[in-house]
Amino acid sequence: GGIDLSVGVSVDLSSMIFIMLIAAGYSGAFGVVGGITAAIGVGLTNAFLINKLRMNPFLATLGVLFIGQSVQRLSTQGGVPIYLTRPDFAAPFDAITRTSLLGIPTPMVVLIICLVAVYLALHRSVFGRYVSALGVQADVVRYSGIRASFHMSMVFISSAVLSGVSGILLSSTVRSYVPFAGDAFLLDAIGATFIGTAISAERRPSVIGTLIGVLLLAVMRN
């Protein structure tokens, strides 16, 4: 289906909306919903450009990347970071970063939930088989009567939502929003996926392989 170059934009826009809503006095839950909604908007835009306008996924997501960067510039007076370091803003951030479930920090719990959900969707469901087929030979999937456009849309929307969750977790950790910070994760996302594919016996992308790629890149960076 192609590479999603708008991953960083989903991270940034969800982070921006999340921080702006909290700065405006809204609750942390409302900020999370707003951030995820912004990410869904990115995914829907990608799906519309690719499935309705028949644009190449590379060009479509690249265009959304530029549009998202422009939105950030216009919303932050040219790219000015937003810092919420005052004590009265601490509650929603502490609810995410300073809480735990059964001794496991909340961000790690969210990561585990996302990993399990994606693993089941891609490796244990009919949807996952259709997505794999789309990646191998999209035309064959269409000729087989499968709703290729629907499944392709779900892939880009899901990618945006997961990136949006990442943006909220990152913002909660540093209590701030820095424009275009999400762009730094694009190459890591692509690199981790290719590393996971390279170490796979089937030479195919997988959730476990991608996780190993992420951990390897993190160790090398540290």
C-alpha atoms as a PDB file:
ATOM      1  CA  GLY A   1       0.000   0.000   0.000  1.00  0.00           C
ATOM      2  CA  GLY A   2       2.946   2.383   0.384  1.00  0.00           C
ATOM      3  CA  ILE A   3       4.764   4.204   3.172  1.00  0.00           C
ATOM      4  CA  ASP A   4       2.834   6.597   5.409  1.00  0.00           C
ATOM      5  CA  LEU A   5       4.978   9.750   5.446  1.00  0.00           C
ATOM      6  CA  SER A   6       2.418  11.585   7.583  1.00  0.00           C
ATOM      7  CA  VAL A   7       3.229   9.596  10.749  1.00  0.00           C
ATOM      8  CA  GLY A   8       5.110  12.552  12.235  1.00  0.00           C
ATOM      9  CA  VAL A   9       2.195  14.890  11.483  1.00  0.00           C
ATOM     10  CA  SER A  10      -0.202  12.617  13.387  1.00  0.00           C
ATOM     11  CA  VAL A  11       2.185  12.698  16.344  1.00  0.00           C
ATOM     12  CA  ASP A  12       2.541  16.483  16.194  1.00  0.00           C
ATOM     13  CA  LEU A  13      -1.108  17.409  15.669  1.00  0.00           C
ATOM     14  CA  SER A  14      -2.364  15.123  18.432  1.00  0.00           C
ATOM     15  CA  SER A  15       0.292  16.575  20.733  1.00  0.00           C
ATOM     16  CA  MET A  16      -0.596  20.136  19.735  1.00  0.00           C
ATOM     17  CA  ILE A  17      -4.344  19.749  20.259  1.00  0.00           C
ATOM     18  CA  PHE A  18      -3.818  17.867  23.521  1.00  0.00           C
ATOM     19  CA  ILE A  19      -1.565  20.604  24.947  1.00  0.00           C
ATOM     20  CA  MET A  20      -3.699  23.472  23.625  1.00  0.00           C
ATOM     21  CA  LEU A  21      -6.891  22.078  25.158  1.00  0.00           C
ATOM     22  CA  ILE A  22      -5.248  21.613  28.539  1.00  0.00           C
ATOM     23  CA  ALA A  23      -3.783  25.125  28.308  1.00  0.00           C
ATOM     24  CA  ALA A  24      -7.318  26.389  27.621  1.00  0.00           C
ATOM     25  CA  GLY A  25      -8.529  24.821  30.870  1.00  0.00           C
ATOM     26  CA  TYR A  26     -10.130  21.617  29.611  1.00  0.00           C
ATOM     27  CA  SER A  27      -9.747  18.303  31.400  1.00  0.00           C
ATOM     28  CA  GLY A  28      -7.051  15.795  30.537  1.00  0.00           C
ATOM     29  CA  ALA A  29      -9.637  13.324  29.208  1.00  0.00           C
ATOM     30  CA  PHE A  30     -11.056  15.969  26.876  1.00  0.00           C
ATOM     31  CA  GLY A  31      -7.536  16.787  25.729  1.00  0.00           C
ATOM     32  CA  VAL A  32      -6.841  13.132  24.958  1.00  0.00           C
ATOM     33  CA  VAL A  33     -10.062  12.840  22.950  1.00  0.00           C
ATOM     34  CA  GLY A  34      -9.211  16.018  21.060  1.00  0.00           C
ATOM     35  CA  GLY A  35      -5.703  14.806  20.283  1.00  0.00           C
ATOM     36  CA  ILE A  36      -6.883  11.421  19.033  1.00  0.00           C
ATOM     37  CA  THR A  37      -9.570  13.135  16.927  1.00  0.00           C
ATOM     38  CA  ALA A  38      -6.896  15.267  15.260  1.00  0.00           C
ATOM     39  CA  ALA A  39      -4.923  12.127  14.443  1.00  0.00           C
ATOM     40  CA  ILE A  40      -8.031  10.459  13.015  1.00  0.00           C
ATOM     41  CA  GLY A  41      -8.460  13.532  10.793  1.00  0.00           C
ATOM     42  CA  VAL A  42      -4.989  12.915   9.357  1.00  0.00           C
ATOM     43  CA  GLY A  43      -5.832   9.286   8.669  1.00  0.00           C
ATOM     44  CA  LEU A  44      -9.143  10.164   7.024  1.00  0.00           C
ATOM     45  CA  THR A  45      -7.420  12.741   4.818  1.00  0.00           C
ATOM     46  CA  ASN A  46      -4.903  10.141   3.678  1.00  0.00           C
ATOM     47  CA  ALA A  47      -7.683   7.650   2.993  1.00  0.00           C
ATOM     48  CA  PHE A  48      -9.665  10.200   0.970  1.00  0.00           C
ATOM     49  CA  LEU A  49      -6.693  11.222  -1.172  1.00  0.00           C
ATOM     50  CA  ILE A  50      -5.630   7.627  -1.841  1.00  0.00           C
ATOM     51  CA  ASN A  51      -8.967   5.869  -2.288  1.00  0.00           C
ATOM     52  CA  LYS A  52     -11.206   8.599  -3.671  1.00  0.00           C
ATOM     53  CA  LEU A  53      -8.788  10.758  -5.630  1.00  0.00           C
ATOM     54  CA  ARG A  54      -6.604   7.750  -6.567  1.00  0.00           C
ATOM     55  CA  MET A  55      -3.378   9.450  -5.584  1.00  0.00           C
ATOM     56  CA  ASN A  56      -0.192   7.482  -5.070  1.00  0.00           C
ATOM     57  CA  PRO A  57       0.167   6.764  -1.298  1.00  0.00           C
ATOM     58  CA  PHE A  58       3.684   8.213  -1.253  1.00  0.00           C
ATOM     59  CA  LEU A  59       2.577  11.495  -2.819  1.00  0.00           C
ATOM     60  CA  ALA A  60      -0.660  11.672  -0.829  1.00  0.00           C
ATOM     61  CA  THR A  61       0.973  11.213   2.567  1.00  0.00           C
ATOM     62  CA  LEU A  62       3.818  13.537   1.570  1.00  0.00           C
ATOM     63  CA  GLY A  63       1.215  16.207   0.756  1.00  0.00           C
ATOM     64  CA  VAL A  64      -0.510  15.649   4.097  1.00  0.00           C
ATOM     65  CA  LEU A  65       2.897  16.008   5.755  1.00  0.00           C
ATOM     66  CA  PHE A  66       3.355  19.473   4.234  1.00  0.00           C
ATOM     67  CA  ILE A  67      -0.222  20.484   5.053  1.00  0.00           C
ATOM     68  CA  GLY A  68       0.215  19.351   8.659  1.00  0.00           C
ATOM     69  CA  GLN A  69       3.424  21.339   8.988  1.00  0.00           C
ATOM     70  CA  SER A  70       1.640  24.435   7.695  1.00  0.00           C
ATOM     71  CA  VAL A  71      -1.191  23.937  10.195  1.00  0.00           C
ATOM     72  CA  GLN A  72       1.355  23.772  12.999  1.00  0.00           C
ATOM     73  CA  ARG A  73       3.076  26.963  11.858  1.00  0.00           C
ATOM     74  CA  LEU A  74      -0.200  28.860  11.595  1.00  0.00           C
ATOM     75  CA  SER A  75      -1.412  27.598  14.977  1.00  0.00           C
ATOM     76  CA  THR A  76       1.785  28.430  16.884  1.00  0.00           C
ATOM     77  CA  GLN A  77       2.813  31.786  15.425  1.00  0.00           C
ATOM     78  CA  GLY A  78       5.479  30.302  13.202  1.00  0.00           C
ATOM     79  CA  GLY A  79       6.462  27.312  15.318  1.00  0.00           C
ATOM     80  CA  VAL A  80       6.692  28.593  18.903  1.00  0.00           C
ATOM     81  CA  PRO A  81       6.752  25.729  21.474  1.00  0.00           C
ATOM     82  CA  ILE A  82       4.057  25.556  24.154  1.00  0.00           C
ATOM     83  CA  TYR A  83       5.237  24.751  27.688  1.00  0.00           C
ATOM     84  CA  LEU A  84       2.843  23.917  30.530  1.00  0.00           C
ATOM     85  CA  THR A  85       5.209  23.775  33.486  1.00  0.00           C
ATOM     86  CA  ARG A  86       3.076  25.583  36.066  1.00  0.00           C
ATOM     87  CA  PRO A  87       1.879  23.407  38.986  1.00  0.00           C
ATOM     88  CA  ASP A  88      -1.794  23.994  38.141  1.00  0.00           C
ATOM     89  CA  PHE A  89      -1.292  22.112  34.852  1.00  0.00           C
ATOM     90  CA  ALA A  90       0.305  19.069  36.487  1.00  0.00           C
ATOM     91  CA  ALA A  91      -2.804  16.941  37.175  1.00  0.00           C
ATOM     92  CA  PRO A  92      -3.589  15.638  33.646  1.00  0.00           C
ATOM     93  CA  PHE A  93       0.063  14.893  32.954  1.00  0.00           C
ATOM     94  CA  ASP A  94       0.612  13.133  36.280  1.00  0.00           C
ATOM     95  CA  ALA A  95      -2.491  11.037  35.612  1.00  0.00           C
ATOM     96  CA  ILE A  96      -0.645   9.559  32.629  1.00  0.00           C
ATOM     97  CA  THR A  97       3.019   9.555  33.614  1.00  0.00           C
ATOM     98  CA  ARG A  98       2.891   9.046  37.402  1.00  0.00           C
ATOM     99  CA  THR A  99       0.269   6.310  37.634  1.00  0.00           C
ATOM    100  CA  SER A 100       0.562   2.562  37.230  1.00  0.00           C
ATOM    101  CA  LEU A 101      -1.458  -0.626  36.898  1.00  0.00           C
ATOM    102  CA  LEU A 102      -0.233  -3.646  38.885  1.00  0.00           C
ATOM    103  CA  GLY A 103       3.096  -1.906  39.244  1.00  0.00           C
ATOM    104  CA  ILE A 104       3.418  -1.273  35.485  1.00  0.00           C
ATOM    105  CA  PRO A 105       3.649   2.445  34.494  1.00  0.00           C
ATOM    106  CA  THR A 106       0.627   3.680  32.544  1.00  0.00           C
ATOM    107  CA  PRO A 107       2.610   4.529  29.349  1.00  0.00           C
ATOM    108  CA  MET A 108       3.912   0.939  29.317  1.00  0.00           C
ATOM    109  CA  VAL A 109       0.363  -0.372  29.825  1.00  0.00           C
ATOM    110  CA  VAL A 110      -0.791   1.678  26.829  1.00  0.00           C
ATOM    111  CA  LEU A 111       2.107   0.287  24.779  1.00  0.00           C
ATOM    112  CA  ILE A 112       1.215  -3.295  25.681  1.00  0.00           C
ATOM    113  CA  ILE A 113      -2.452  -2.727  24.816  1.00  0.00           C
ATOM    114  CA  CYS A 114      -1.508  -1.248  21.432  1.00  0.00           C
ATOM    115  CA  LEU A 115       0.911  -4.109  20.702  1.00  0.00           C
ATOM    116  CA  VAL A 116      -1.664  -6.767  21.531  1.00  0.00           C
ATOM    117  CA  ALA A 117      -4.398  -5.013  19.545  1.00  0.00           C
ATOM    118  CA  VAL A 118      -2.226  -4.606  16.449  1.00  0.00           C
ATOM    119  CA  TYR A 119      -0.864  -8.154  16.721  1.00  0.00           C
ATOM    120  CA  LEU A 120      -4.360  -9.640  16.878  1.00  0.00           C
ATOM    121  CA  ALA A 121      -5.576  -7.421  14.032  1.00  0.00           C
ATOM    122  CA  LEU A 122      -2.679  -8.212  11.692  1.00  0.00           C
ATOM    123  CA  HIS A 123      -1.819 -11.804  12.577  1.00  0.00           C
ATOM    124  CA  ARG A 124      -4.999 -13.347  13.929  1.00  0.00           C
ATOM    125  CA  SER A 125      -7.846 -11.899  11.875  1.00  0.00           C
ATOM    126  CA  VAL A 126      -9.301 -11.881   8.373  1.00  0.00           C
ATOM    127  CA  PHE A 127      -8.550  -8.153   8.227  1.00  0.00           C
ATOM    128  CA  GLY A 128      -4.859  -8.901   8.730  1.00  0.00           C
ATOM    129  CA  ARG A 129      -4.839 -11.426   5.881  1.00  0.00           C
ATOM    130  CA  TYR A 130      -6.453  -8.892   3.582  1.00  0.00           C
ATOM    131  CA  VAL A 131      -3.916  -6.238   4.579  1.00  0.00           C
ATOM    132  CA  SER A 132      -1.037  -8.643   3.920  1.00  0.00           C
ATOM    133  CA  ALA A 133      -2.498  -9.439   0.519  1.00  0.00           C
ATOM    134  CA  LEU A 134      -2.830  -5.740  -0.261  1.00  0.00           C
ATOM    135  CA  GLY A 135       0.851  -5.276   0.491  1.00  0.00           C
ATOM    136  CA  VAL A 136       1.859  -8.168  -1.773  1.00  0.00           C
ATOM    137  CA  GLN A 137      -0.477  -7.638  -4.730  1.00  0.00           C
ATOM    138  CA  ALA A 138      -3.189  -5.012  -4.419  1.00  0.00           C
ATOM    139  CA  ASP A 139      -4.677  -5.618  -7.872  1.00  0.00           C
ATOM    140  CA  VAL A 140      -5.320  -9.292  -7.126  1.00  0.00           C
ATOM    141  CA  VAL A 141      -7.178  -8.294  -3.938  1.00  0.00           C
ATOM    142  CA  ARG A 142      -9.412  -5.919  -5.905  1.00  0.00           C
ATOM    143  CA  TYR A 143     -10.134  -8.498  -8.593  1.00  0.00           C
ATOM    144  CA  SER A 144     -11.065 -10.995  -5.853  1.00  0.00           C
ATOM    145  CA  GLY A 145     -14.006  -8.844  -4.796  1.00  0.00           C
ATOM    146  CA  ILE A 146     -12.471  -7.751  -1.489  1.00  0.00           C
ATOM    147  CA  ARG A 147     -13.201  -4.174  -0.369  1.00  0.00           C
ATOM    148  CA  ALA A 148      -9.634  -3.052  -0.900  1.00  0.00           C
ATOM    149  CA  SER A 149     -10.370   0.657  -0.446  1.00  0.00           C
ATOM    150  CA  PHE A 150     -12.035   0.057   2.936  1.00  0.00           C
ATOM    151  CA  HIS A 151      -9.163  -2.024   4.279  1.00  0.00           C
ATOM    152  CA  MET A 152      -6.603   0.436   2.935  1.00  0.00           C
ATOM    153  CA  SER A 153      -8.459   3.263   4.667  1.00  0.00           C
ATOM    154  CA  MET A 154      -8.470   1.364   7.945  1.00  0.00           C
ATOM    155  CA  VAL A 155      -4.710   0.875   7.675  1.00  0.00           C
ATOM    156  CA  PHE A 156      -4.012   4.603   7.317  1.00  0.00           C
ATOM    157  CA  ILE A 157      -6.539   5.570   9.991  1.00  0.00           C
ATOM    158  CA  SER A 158      -5.106   3.013  12.414  1.00  0.00           C
ATOM    159  CA  SER A 159      -1.588   4.235  11.701  1.00  0.00           C
ATOM    160  CA  ALA A 160      -2.663   7.803  12.458  1.00  0.00           C
ATOM    161  CA  VAL A 161      -4.430   6.814  15.690  1.00  0.00           C
ATOM    162  CA  LEU A 162      -1.401   4.896  16.985  1.00  0.00           C
ATOM    163  CA  SER A 163       0.819   7.860  16.111  1.00  0.00           C
ATOM    164  CA  GLY A 164      -1.631  10.148  17.899  1.00  0.00           C
ATOM    165  CA  VAL A 165      -1.411   8.028  21.047  1.00  0.00           C
ATOM    166  CA  SER A 166       2.372   8.332  20.847  1.00  0.00           C
ATOM    167  CA  GLY A 167       2.118  12.106  20.550  1.00  0.00           C
ATOM    168  CA  ILE A 168      -0.030  12.346  23.681  1.00  0.00           C
ATOM    169  CA  LEU A 169       2.326  10.125  25.668  1.00  0.00           C
ATOM    170  CA  LEU A 170       5.316  12.202  24.564  1.00  0.00           C
ATOM    171  CA  SER A 171       3.604  15.464  25.472  1.00  0.00           C
ATOM    172  CA  SER A 172       2.618  14.092  28.869  1.00  0.00           C
ATOM    173  CA  THR A 173       6.234  13.179  29.595  1.00  0.00           C
ATOM    174  CA  VAL A 174       7.670  16.630  28.860  1.00  0.00           C
ATOM    175  CA  ARG A 175       4.514  18.705  29.557  1.00  0.00           C
ATOM    176  CA  SER A 176       4.996  20.625  26.352  1.00  0.00           C
ATOM    177  CA  TYR A 177       4.443  20.689  22.617  1.00  0.00           C
ATOM    178  CA  VAL A 178       7.327  21.372  20.246  1.00  0.00           C
ATOM    179  CA  PRO A 179       6.295  21.888  16.606  1.00  0.00           C
ATOM    180  CA  PHE A 180       7.616  19.335  14.085  1.00  0.00           C
ATOM    181  CA  ALA A 181       9.102  17.136  16.821  1.00  0.00           C
ATOM    182  CA  GLY A 182       7.198  14.167  15.404  1.00  0.00           C
ATOM    183  CA  ASP A 183       9.115  14.329  12.127  1.00  0.00           C
ATOM    184  CA  ALA A 184      12.136  12.878  13.916  1.00  0.00           C
ATOM    185  CA  PHE A 185      10.254   9.602  14.416  1.00  0.00           C
ATOM    186  CA  LEU A 186       9.484   9.017  10.734  1.00  0.00           C
ATOM    187  CA  LEU A 187      12.838   7.477   9.835  1.00  0.00           C
ATOM    188  CA  ASP A 188      12.823   5.467  13.068  1.00  0.00           C
ATOM    189  CA  ALA A 189       9.395   4.056  12.207  1.00  0.00           C
ATOM    190  CA  ILE A 190      10.514   3.087   8.713  1.00  0.00           C
ATOM    191  CA  GLY A 191      13.852   1.759   9.957  1.00  0.00           C
ATOM    192  CA  ALA A 192      12.284  -0.363  12.710  1.00  0.00           C
ATOM    193  CA  THR A 193       9.849  -1.904  10.219  1.00  0.00           C
ATOM    194  CA  PHE A 194      12.619  -2.799   7.779  1.00  0.00           C
ATOM    195  CA  ILE A 195      14.801  -4.217  10.558  1.00  0.00           C
ATOM    196  CA  GLY A 196      11.907  -6.396  11.670  1.00  0.00           C
ATOM    197  CA  THR A 197      11.391  -7.538   8.085  1.00  0.00           C
ATOM    198  CA  ALA A 198      15.094  -8.338   7.617  1.00  0.00           C
ATOM    199  CA  ILE A 199      15.267 -10.578  10.692  1.00  0.00           C
ATOM    200  CA  SER A 200      12.024 -12.378   9.837  1.00  0.00           C
ATOM    201  CA  ALA A 201      12.308 -15.872   8.341  1.00  0.00           C
ATOM    202  CA  GLU A 202       9.447 -15.021   5.959  1.00  0.00           C
ATOM    203  CA  ARG A 203      10.989 -11.633   5.097  1.00  0.00           C
ATOM    204  CA  ARG A 204       7.666  -9.982   5.881  1.00  0.00           C
ATOM    205  CA  PRO A 205       6.789  -7.158   8.291  1.00  0.00           C
ATOM    206  CA  SER A 206       5.436  -8.262  11.665  1.00  0.00           C
ATOM    207  CA  VAL A 207       4.520  -6.704  14.988  1.00  0.00           C
ATOM    208  CA  ILE A 208       7.138  -8.651  16.945  1.00  0.00           C
ATOM    209  CA  GLY A 209       9.837  -7.945  14.369  1.00  0.00           C
ATOM    210  CA  THR A 210       9.011  -4.233  14.369  1.00  0.00           C
ATOM    211  CA  LEU A 211       9.146  -4.184  18.179  1.00  0.00           C
ATOM    212  CA  ILE A 212      12.613  -5.732  18.051  1.00  0.00           C
ATOM    213  CA  GLY A 213      13.610  -3.093  15.512  1.00  0.00           C
ATOM    214  CA  VAL A 214      12.352  -0.315  17.796  1.00  0.00           C
ATOM    215  CA  LEU A 215      14.274  -1.727  20.761  1.00  0.00           C
ATOM    216  CA  LEU A 216      17.436  -2.106  18.685  1.00  0.00           C
ATOM    217  CA  LEU A 217      17.274   1.497  17.474  1.00  0.00           C
ATOM    218  CA  ALA A 218      16.595   2.722  21.020  1.00  0.00           C
ATOM    219  CA  VAL A 219      19.604   0.818  22.404  1.00  0.00           C
ATOM    220  CA  MET A 220      21.860   2.133  19.650  1.00  0.00           C
ATOM    221  CA  ARG A 221      20.685   5.693  20.255  1.00  0.00           C
ATOM    222  CA  ASN A 222      21.207   5.490  24.019  1.00  0.00           C
END
